[in-house]
Amino acid sequence: MKTPKTWFITGASRGFGLEITKAVLATGDQVVATVRSKAADPAAQFGNDPNLLVVALDVTNEAQAPEAAQQAIDRFGKIDILLNNAGYGLLGAVEEASAGEVRNNYEVNVFGTLNVTRAVLPFMRAKRSGHIINISSVGGLSAYFGWGVYGSTKFAIEGLTEALAQELAPLGIHATVVAPGFFRTDFLDRSSLTRTANVIDDYAQTVGAMRDFATQANKKQPGDPKKLAQALIKLGNSDNPPVHLPLGSDTLERFRAKTAAFEKEIGEWYEVITGTDHDDVAATKELA
């Protein structure tokens, strides 16, 4: 009989977090599901499953994160998988976004992820095992107009996870960053998506068009969140998980287009790129 794993899932009251919580519980694993407010407590949806512990956690509150992690340990004795899922979108041109709007997006998407990671890692290090899974976005692999600030928070998550994977590997702990494309959740609803208060007419053809697209695409996105949940379960049970896991054919297509364009630019600017080395470095390469 398999020993159940314990998942710690942030932002579990709706969207990806709720779907993944449902799917994990169906496997017999245990879930610590964090919600910003107990008013959003999803426990009733699962018949008060004994394998579910719902914990109130505002990820931007650094002091709450260790308390939530300790509640998980007190209930289940371990945390095997941390899924940093809590986050929200900000739609608007880079220039349109106010300092407050930018700061708030970073507080949840980046600093919140760091708060929870710091709270959970001591327990994983003590066991010399565990898996940190951070949710990024296709916008964290390739920028879109209208999503510059939000995408930059996800670019940060990509970089942080790459470093974590290197730092934690000798300790027997894995780190993976998952980049979903457009999935049919409530991400484009007002509950998950904030639009900048400032709107500049000069961006009508780009960001204005993206605002219209976001409205029209809501609930018509190509990705299936239930299939994403199953992919996450497979990832959590892998003995050799990847550092990067893009999910959705749209994500893969976008990333491949970016890398192809990048390689083209490198070819066009190769002499300039390599021409900035010191002369002694260039001479050494020629001798080699």
Protein backbone atom coordinates (compact mmCIF):
# COMPACT_ATOMS: atom_id res chain seq x y z
CA MET A 1 0.00 0.00 0.00
CA LYS A 2 1.43 3.37 -1.03
CA THR A 3 2.17 5.92 1.67
CA PRO A 4 0.09 9.02 0.92
CA LYS A 5 1.96 12.17 0.04
CA THR A 6 1.10 15.49 1.61
CA TRP A 7 0.54 18.42 -0.74
CA PHE A 8 0.54 22.04 0.41
CA ILE A 9 -1.47 24.01 -2.17
CA THR A 10 -1.86 27.79 -2.07
CA GLY A 11 -4.80 29.58 -3.67
CA ALA A 12 -6.96 26.47 -3.37
CA SER A 13 -10.41 28.06 -3.23
CA ARG A 14 -10.88 28.28 -7.02
CA GLY A 15 -9.25 27.90 -10.44
CA PHE A 16 -6.21 25.65 -10.77
CA GLY A 17 -5.87 25.32 -7.01
CA LEU A 18 -9.36 23.92 -6.55
CA GLU A 19 -9.11 21.54 -9.51
CA ILE A 20 -5.74 20.22 -8.34
CA THR A 21 -7.01 19.82 -4.77
CA LYS A 22 -9.94 17.72 -6.04
CA ALA A 23 -7.68 15.57 -8.20
CA VAL A 24 -5.08 14.99 -5.48
CA LEU A 25 -7.69 13.98 -2.90
CA ALA A 26 -9.13 11.51 -5.41
CA THR A 27 -5.75 9.71 -5.46
CA GLY A 28 -5.80 9.23 -1.68
CA ASP A 29 -3.08 11.79 -1.01
CA GLN A 30 -3.40 14.42 1.69
CA VAL A 31 -3.88 18.12 0.96
CA VAL A 32 -3.28 21.23 2.99
CA ALA A 33 -5.36 23.75 1.03
CA THR A 34 -4.72 27.39 1.80
CA VAL A 35 -7.33 30.08 1.25
CA ARG A 36 -7.17 33.82 1.89
CA SER A 37 -10.32 33.68 3.98
CA LYS A 38 -12.18 30.85 5.66
CA ALA A 39 -15.26 32.32 3.97
CA ALA A 40 -13.86 30.65 0.84
CA ASP A 41 -13.38 27.33 2.69
CA PRO A 42 -13.72 24.54 0.11
CA ALA A 43 -13.96 21.72 2.67
CA ALA A 44 -17.70 21.25 2.25
CA GLN A 45 -17.16 20.44 -1.43
CA PHE A 46 -15.19 17.37 -0.40
CA GLY A 47 -17.54 16.01 2.24
CA ASN A 48 -15.11 17.09 4.96
CA ASP A 49 -12.55 14.59 3.66
CA PRO A 50 -10.17 13.59 6.53
CA ASN A 51 -7.26 13.92 4.10
CA LEU A 52 -8.00 17.65 3.68
CA LEU A 53 -6.88 20.43 5.98
CA VAL A 54 -8.00 23.94 5.04
CA VAL A 55 -5.80 26.74 6.40
CA ALA A 56 -6.33 30.50 6.16
CA LEU A 57 -3.27 32.09 4.60
CA ASP A 58 -2.68 35.43 2.96
CA VAL A 59 0.57 34.67 1.13
CA THR A 60 1.61 38.32 1.34
CA ASN A 61 1.63 38.05 5.15
CA GLU A 62 5.11 36.74 5.90
CA ALA A 63 4.26 35.90 9.52
CA GLN A 64 1.28 33.74 8.55
CA ALA A 65 3.26 31.44 6.26
CA PRO A 66 5.28 29.61 8.96
CA GLU A 67 2.12 29.26 11.02
CA ALA A 68 0.33 27.61 8.10
CA ALA A 69 3.28 25.30 7.44
CA GLN A 70 3.35 24.30 11.11
CA GLN A 71 -0.36 23.48 11.01
CA ALA A 72 0.36 21.14 8.09
CA ILE A 73 3.13 19.42 10.06
CA ASP A 74 0.97 19.16 13.17
CA ARG A 75 -1.82 17.47 11.17
CA PHE A 76 0.05 15.26 8.70
CA GLY A 77 3.64 15.21 9.98
CA LYS A 78 5.23 16.25 6.68
CA ILE A 79 4.99 18.31 3.52
CA ASP A 80 6.08 16.36 0.44
CA ILE A 81 4.96 18.76 -2.30
CA LEU A 82 4.56 22.52 -2.13
CA LEU A 83 2.46 23.91 -4.95
CA ASN A 84 2.79 27.69 -5.10
CA ASN A 85 -0.34 28.47 -7.10
CA ALA A 86 -1.72 31.68 -5.53
CA GLY A 87 -1.54 34.65 -7.88
CA TYR A 88 -3.54 37.01 -10.06
CA GLY A 89 -3.27 38.77 -13.41
CA LEU A 90 -2.77 42.46 -14.16
CA LEU A 91 -3.83 43.62 -17.62
CA GLY A 92 -2.54 46.94 -18.92
CA ALA A 93 0.36 48.58 -20.71
CA VAL A 94 3.60 48.88 -18.78
CA GLU A 95 3.23 52.67 -18.81
CA GLU A 96 -0.40 52.48 -17.68
CA ALA A 97 0.36 50.48 -14.54
CA SER A 98 0.70 52.59 -11.42
CA ALA A 99 3.41 51.94 -8.84
CA GLY A 100 0.78 50.59 -6.47
CA GLU A 101 -0.70 48.22 -9.04
CA VAL A 102 2.75 46.89 -9.90
CA ARG A 103 3.74 46.54 -6.25
CA ASN A 104 0.55 44.65 -5.37
CA ASN A 105 1.05 42.21 -8.25
CA TYR A 106 4.59 41.50 -7.11
CA GLU A 107 3.51 41.17 -3.48
CA VAL A 108 1.23 38.24 -4.34
CA ASN A 109 2.90 36.60 -7.33
CA VAL A 110 6.56 36.90 -6.31
CA PHE A 111 6.95 37.83 -2.65
CA GLY A 112 4.04 35.61 -1.67
CA THR A 113 5.68 32.64 -3.40
CA LEU A 114 8.93 33.42 -1.58
CA ASN A 115 7.17 33.74 1.79
CA VAL A 116 5.58 30.30 1.51
CA THR A 117 8.71 28.68 0.07
CA ARG A 118 10.83 29.95 2.96
CA ALA A 119 8.25 28.64 5.43
CA VAL A 120 8.09 25.13 3.98
CA LEU A 121 11.69 24.45 2.99
CA PRO A 122 13.05 23.90 6.54
CA PHE A 123 10.76 20.86 6.88
CA MET A 124 11.84 19.51 3.50
CA ARG A 125 15.52 20.07 4.26
CA ALA A 126 15.13 18.19 7.55
CA LYS A 127 13.78 15.17 5.62
CA ARG A 128 16.16 15.63 2.66
CA SER A 129 13.22 15.18 0.32
CA GLY A 130 10.41 17.16 -1.24
CA HIS A 131 9.30 18.94 -4.37
CA ILE A 132 8.63 22.65 -4.86
CA ILE A 133 6.27 23.29 -7.80
CA ASN A 134 5.80 26.93 -8.79
CA ILE A 135 3.07 28.03 -11.18
CA SER A 136 4.34 30.46 -13.81
CA SER A 137 2.62 31.23 -17.13
CA VAL A 138 3.17 31.26 -20.86
CA GLY A 139 3.62 34.99 -20.16
CA GLY A 140 6.66 34.09 -18.06
CA LEU A 141 8.30 32.45 -21.07
CA SER A 142 7.41 34.99 -23.74
CA ALA A 143 6.02 38.48 -23.25
CA TYR A 144 2.65 39.66 -24.56
CA PHE A 145 1.61 43.28 -24.94
CA GLY A 146 -0.83 44.18 -22.20
CA TRP A 147 0.67 41.60 -19.85
CA GLY A 148 4.11 43.16 -19.32
CA VAL A 149 3.95 43.64 -15.55
CA TYR A 150 2.14 40.37 -14.86
CA GLY A 151 4.50 38.53 -17.20
CA SER A 152 7.49 40.04 -15.42
CA THR A 153 6.30 38.51 -12.13
CA LYS A 154 6.22 35.14 -13.85
CA PHE A 155 9.63 35.68 -15.46
CA ALA A 156 10.82 36.18 -11.86
CA ILE A 157 9.25 32.87 -10.83
CA GLU A 158 11.02 31.13 -13.74
CA GLY A 159 14.40 32.46 -12.60
CA LEU A 160 13.83 31.78 -8.92
CA THR A 161 12.81 28.20 -9.62
CA GLU A 162 15.84 27.53 -11.83
CA ALA A 163 18.09 28.71 -8.98
CA LEU A 164 16.13 26.69 -6.41
CA ALA A 165 16.52 23.55 -8.52
CA GLN A 166 20.31 23.99 -8.46
CA GLU A 167 20.49 24.87 -4.76
CA LEU A 168 18.18 22.09 -3.58
CA ALA A 169 19.39 19.20 -5.77
CA PRO A 170 22.23 18.21 -3.37
CA LEU A 171 19.64 18.09 -0.56
CA GLY A 172 17.37 15.63 -2.37
CA ILE A 173 14.70 18.24 -3.07
CA HIS A 174 13.31 18.98 -6.54
CA ALA A 175 12.03 22.27 -7.96
CA THR A 176 9.86 22.64 -11.06
CA VAL A 177 8.31 25.69 -12.68
CA VAL A 178 5.07 24.99 -14.57
CA ALA A 179 4.06 27.39 -17.35
CA PRO A 180 0.40 26.94 -18.32
CA GLY A 181 -1.02 28.57 -21.42
CA PHE A 182 -4.61 29.80 -21.62
CA PHE A 183 -6.80 27.40 -19.62
CA ARG A 184 -10.57 27.54 -19.16
CA THR A 185 -10.63 28.79 -15.57
CA ASP A 186 -11.83 32.04 -14.01
CA PHE A 187 -8.45 33.69 -14.65
CA LEU A 188 -9.99 36.23 -17.04
CA ASP A 189 -12.87 36.98 -14.64
CA ARG A 190 -12.81 40.07 -12.44
CA SER A 191 -12.19 37.73 -9.46
CA SER A 192 -8.72 36.83 -10.79
CA LEU A 193 -7.83 39.60 -13.22
CA THR A 194 -7.17 43.24 -12.39
CA ARG A 195 -7.10 45.86 -15.14
CA THR A 196 -5.10 49.03 -14.74
CA ALA A 197 -7.16 52.03 -13.75
CA ASN A 198 -5.22 54.19 -16.21
CA VAL A 199 -5.94 53.71 -19.93
CA ILE A 200 -3.84 55.51 -22.57
CA ASP A 201 -5.45 55.88 -25.99
CA ASP A 202 -2.13 55.53 -27.83
CA TYR A 203 -2.10 51.83 -26.88
CA ALA A 204 -5.54 51.13 -28.35
CA GLN A 205 -4.21 48.97 -31.20
CA THR A 206 -2.14 46.78 -28.89
CA VAL A 207 -3.25 46.77 -25.26
CA GLY A 208 -6.77 47.92 -26.10
CA ALA A 209 -7.11 44.99 -28.49
CA MET A 210 -5.79 42.67 -25.75
CA ARG A 211 -8.43 43.95 -23.34
CA ASP A 212 -11.11 43.11 -25.91
CA PHE A 213 -9.53 39.69 -26.51
CA ALA A 214 -9.49 38.91 -22.78
CA THR A 215 -13.20 39.65 -22.55
CA GLN A 216 -14.09 37.60 -25.62
CA ALA A 217 -11.79 34.66 -24.76
CA ASN A 218 -13.11 34.23 -21.22
CA LYS A 219 -14.35 30.65 -20.72
CA LYS A 220 -13.28 29.77 -24.28
CA GLN A 221 -9.60 29.12 -23.61
CA PRO A 222 -8.15 25.95 -25.19
CA GLY A 223 -6.68 24.37 -22.04
CA ASP A 224 -8.62 21.90 -19.87
CA PRO A 225 -7.93 22.54 -16.14
CA LYS A 226 -8.90 18.97 -15.22
CA LYS A 227 -6.21 17.65 -17.56
CA LEU A 228 -3.75 20.14 -16.09
CA ALA A 229 -4.55 18.74 -12.62
CA GLN A 230 -3.73 15.23 -13.82
CA ALA A 231 -0.48 16.49 -15.33
CA LEU A 232 0.42 18.01 -11.95
CA ILE A 233 -0.26 14.71 -10.20
CA LYS A 234 2.03 12.93 -12.64
CA LEU A 235 4.66 15.60 -12.00
CA GLY A 236 4.32 15.26 -8.23
CA ASN A 237 4.80 11.50 -8.44
CA SER A 238 7.83 11.64 -10.74
CA ASP A 239 11.18 10.46 -9.40
CA ASN A 240 12.98 12.63 -11.93
CA PRO A 241 10.84 15.73 -12.53
CA PRO A 242 11.87 18.41 -15.02
CA VAL A 243 12.91 21.90 -13.98
CA HIS A 244 10.58 23.37 -16.64
CA LEU A 245 7.15 22.03 -17.61
CA PRO A 246 5.22 24.10 -20.16
CA LEU A 247 1.58 22.98 -20.33
CA GLY A 248 -0.63 23.48 -23.37
CA SER A 249 0.09 23.40 -27.07
CA ASP A 250 -0.28 27.20 -27.14
CA THR A 251 2.54 27.56 -24.61
CA LEU A 252 4.83 25.25 -26.55
CA GLU A 253 4.12 27.02 -29.84
CA ARG A 254 4.74 30.44 -28.30
CA PHE A 255 8.02 29.39 -26.66
CA ARG A 256 9.36 27.73 -29.81
CA ALA A 257 8.55 30.85 -31.83
CA LYS A 258 10.45 32.95 -29.29
CA THR A 259 13.55 30.75 -29.30
CA ALA A 260 13.56 30.65 -33.12
CA ALA A 261 13.37 34.47 -33.26
CA PHE A 262 16.10 34.71 -30.62
CA GLU A 263 18.41 32.40 -32.61
CA LYS A 264 17.77 34.49 -35.72
CA GLU A 265 18.76 37.67 -33.91
CA ILE A 266 21.89 36.00 -32.56
CA GLY A 267 22.90 35.07 -36.11
CA GLU A 268 22.31 38.62 -37.34
CA TRP A 269 24.22 40.22 -34.45
CA TYR A 270 26.83 37.50 -33.88
CA GLU A 271 29.86 39.71 -34.61
CA VAL A 272 28.60 42.41 -32.26
CA ILE A 273 27.76 39.87 -29.54
CA THR A 274 31.14 38.14 -29.63
CA GLY A 275 33.07 41.32 -30.42
CA THR A 276 32.78 42.66 -26.89
CA ASP A 277 35.30 40.23 -25.35
CA HIS A 278 38.75 41.46 -24.30
CA ASP A 279 41.42 40.95 -26.99
CA ASP A 280 43.28 38.38 -24.86
CA VAL A 281 40.09 36.31 -24.57
CA ALA A 282 39.53 36.45 -28.34
CA ALA A 283 43.17 35.45 -28.97
CA THR A 284 42.85 32.47 -26.63
CA LYS A 285 39.77 31.28 -28.51
CA GLU A 286 41.55 31.55 -31.83
CA LEU A 287 44.47 29.43 -30.54
CA ALA A 288 42.04 26.82 -29.24
